[in-house]
Amino acid sequence: MNWPIGPYGTSMGALLLMTLPIHWFLTRDEPESRVGLRDLPREIREKGYGWHIALYLLMFLYKALIDHHNEPMKARVGGFTHWFWSIE
């Protein structure tokens, strides 16, 4: 099967889709510790999570750049990554 969005898009989509359900599952016994979506921007500003979010975005952009650069070279240089792809 030829997946149209690639491994980077798949991992990013899975991360975005699964964040809230996993959060709700892990805090199912402590709903008072959850931060509402409406209060999220205030929480980010107050606790200084902006740097954390910015570094994660930078990390994902860097990974996209590296993957875009390395994928065409894999066919030419060989290596062992095809073993991992066959397992997946």
C-alpha atoms as a PDB file:
ATOM      1  CA  MET A   1       0.000   0.000   0.000  1.00  0.00           C
ATOM      2  CA  ASN A   2       1.344   3.417  -0.913  1.00  0.00           C
ATOM      3  CA  TRP A   3       0.579   5.795   1.949  1.00  0.00           C
ATOM      4  CA  PRO A   4       0.037   9.287   0.468  1.00  0.00           C
ATOM      5  CA  ILE A   5       1.201  11.453   3.376  1.00  0.00           C
ATOM      6  CA  GLY A   6       4.482   9.734   4.279  1.00  0.00           C
ATOM      7  CA  PRO A   7       5.983   8.778   7.635  1.00  0.00           C
ATOM      8  CA  TYR A   8       6.374  12.355   8.880  1.00  0.00           C
ATOM      9  CA  GLY A   9       2.766  13.262   8.161  1.00  0.00           C
ATOM     10  CA  THR A  10       1.580  10.016   9.694  1.00  0.00           C
ATOM     11  CA  SER A  11       3.495  10.536  12.949  1.00  0.00           C
ATOM     12  CA  MET A  12       2.461  14.187  13.185  1.00  0.00           C
ATOM     13  CA  GLY A  13      -1.184  13.347  12.526  1.00  0.00           C
ATOM     14  CA  ALA A  14      -1.152  10.529  15.075  1.00  0.00           C
ATOM     15  CA  LEU A  15       0.403  12.839  17.656  1.00  0.00           C
ATOM     16  CA  LEU A  16      -2.215  15.521  17.112  1.00  0.00           C
ATOM     17  CA  LEU A  17      -5.151  13.099  17.014  1.00  0.00           C
ATOM     18  CA  MET A  18      -4.144  11.107  20.076  1.00  0.00           C
ATOM     19  CA  THR A  19      -3.069  13.916  22.433  1.00  0.00           C
ATOM     20  CA  LEU A  20      -6.485  14.760  23.881  1.00  0.00           C
ATOM     21  CA  PRO A  21      -7.836  11.188  24.150  1.00  0.00           C
ATOM     22  CA  ILE A  22      -4.675  10.045  25.932  1.00  0.00           C
ATOM     23  CA  HIS A  23      -4.819  13.068  28.244  1.00  0.00           C
ATOM     24  CA  TRP A  24      -8.469  12.389  29.086  1.00  0.00           C
ATOM     25  CA  PHE A  25      -7.709   8.708  29.698  1.00  0.00           C
ATOM     26  CA  LEU A  26      -4.743   9.415  31.990  1.00  0.00           C
ATOM     27  CA  THR A  27      -6.699  11.990  34.025  1.00  0.00           C
ATOM     28  CA  ARG A  28      -9.991  10.086  34.152  1.00  0.00           C
ATOM     29  CA  ASP A  29      -9.780   9.848  37.975  1.00  0.00           C
ATOM     30  CA  GLU A  30      -8.648  13.478  38.413  1.00  0.00           C
ATOM     31  CA  PRO A  31     -10.845  15.686  36.207  1.00  0.00           C
ATOM     32  CA  GLU A  32     -10.144  18.703  38.433  1.00  0.00           C
ATOM     33  CA  SER A  33      -6.482  18.636  37.349  1.00  0.00           C
ATOM     34  CA  ARG A  34      -7.388  19.143  33.688  1.00  0.00           C
ATOM     35  CA  VAL A  35      -6.961  22.523  32.046  1.00  0.00           C
ATOM     36  CA  GLY A  36      -9.884  23.527  29.854  1.00  0.00           C
ATOM     37  CA  LEU A  37      -9.217  24.373  26.224  1.00  0.00           C
ATOM     38  CA  ARG A  38     -10.493  27.898  26.861  1.00  0.00           C
ATOM     39  CA  ASP A  39      -7.931  28.356  29.674  1.00  0.00           C
ATOM     40  CA  LEU A  40      -5.045  26.809  27.761  1.00  0.00           C
ATOM     41  CA  PRO A  41      -3.528  30.044  26.324  1.00  0.00           C
ATOM     42  CA  ARG A  42      -3.502  31.623  29.796  1.00  0.00           C
ATOM     43  CA  GLU A  43      -1.889  28.503  31.278  1.00  0.00           C
ATOM     44  CA  ILE A  44       0.796  28.518  28.570  1.00  0.00           C
ATOM     45  CA  ARG A  45       1.631  32.174  29.267  1.00  0.00           C
ATOM     46  CA  GLU A  46       1.582  31.865  33.063  1.00  0.00           C
ATOM     47  CA  LYS A  47       3.724  28.742  33.282  1.00  0.00           C
ATOM     48  CA  GLY A  48       6.124  29.669  30.477  1.00  0.00           C
ATOM     49  CA  TYR A  49       5.320  26.727  28.226  1.00  0.00           C
ATOM     50  CA  GLY A  50       5.902  28.848  25.123  1.00  0.00           C
ATOM     51  CA  TRP A  51       9.576  27.855  24.908  1.00  0.00           C
ATOM     52  CA  HIS A  52       8.676  24.201  25.295  1.00  0.00           C
ATOM     53  CA  ILE A  53       6.115  24.393  22.487  1.00  0.00           C
ATOM     54  CA  ALA A  54       8.488  26.369  20.255  1.00  0.00           C
ATOM     55  CA  LEU A  55      11.259  23.803  20.719  1.00  0.00           C
ATOM     56  CA  TYR A  56       8.897  20.954  19.855  1.00  0.00           C
ATOM     57  CA  LEU A  57       7.833  22.768  16.690  1.00  0.00           C
ATOM     58  CA  LEU A  58      11.475  23.390  15.811  1.00  0.00           C
ATOM     59  CA  MET A  59      12.243  19.707  16.396  1.00  0.00           C
ATOM     60  CA  PHE A  60       9.423  18.583  14.070  1.00  0.00           C
ATOM     61  CA  LEU A  61      10.463  21.061  11.373  1.00  0.00           C
ATOM     62  CA  TYR A  62      14.072  19.874  11.623  1.00  0.00           C
ATOM     63  CA  LYS A  63      12.940  16.246  11.363  1.00  0.00           C
ATOM     64  CA  ALA A  64      10.875  17.053   8.276  1.00  0.00           C
ATOM     65  CA  LEU A  65      13.887  18.730   6.669  1.00  0.00           C
ATOM     66  CA  ILE A  66      16.212  15.830   7.471  1.00  0.00           C
ATOM     67  CA  ASP A  67      13.698  13.221   6.282  1.00  0.00           C
ATOM     68  CA  HIS A  68      13.119  15.149   3.068  1.00  0.00           C
ATOM     69  CA  HIS A  69      16.879  15.237   2.503  1.00  0.00           C
ATOM     70  CA  ASN A  70      17.671  11.626   3.496  1.00  0.00           C
ATOM     71  CA  GLU A  71      14.826   9.660   1.894  1.00  0.00           C
ATOM     72  CA  PRO A  72      16.130   9.981  -1.708  1.00  0.00           C
ATOM     73  CA  MET A  73      19.618   8.877  -0.610  1.00  0.00           C
ATOM     74  CA  LYS A  74      18.475   5.628   1.017  1.00  0.00           C
ATOM     75  CA  ALA A  75      17.958   3.896  -2.325  1.00  0.00           C
ATOM     76  CA  ARG A  76      21.475   4.809  -3.474  1.00  0.00           C
ATOM     77  CA  VAL A  77      23.479   4.002  -0.338  1.00  0.00           C
ATOM     78  CA  GLY A  78      21.622   0.918   0.872  1.00  0.00           C
ATOM     79  CA  GLY A  79      21.919   0.208   4.562  1.00  0.00           C
ATOM     80  CA  PHE A  80      19.750  -1.629   7.009  1.00  0.00           C
ATOM     81  CA  THR A  81      16.661   0.587   7.173  1.00  0.00           C
ATOM     82  CA  HIS A  82      14.805  -1.627   4.692  1.00  0.00           C
ATOM     83  CA  TRP A  83      14.792  -4.353   7.368  1.00  0.00           C
ATOM     84  CA  PHE A  84      12.900  -2.070   9.735  1.00  0.00           C
ATOM     85  CA  TRP A  85      10.460  -1.061   7.011  1.00  0.00           C
ATOM     86  CA  SER A  86       9.760  -4.731   6.246  1.00  0.00           C
ATOM     87  CA  ILE A  87       8.967  -5.376   9.933  1.00  0.00           C
ATOM     88  CA  GLU A  88       6.575  -2.444  10.071  1.00  0.00           C
END
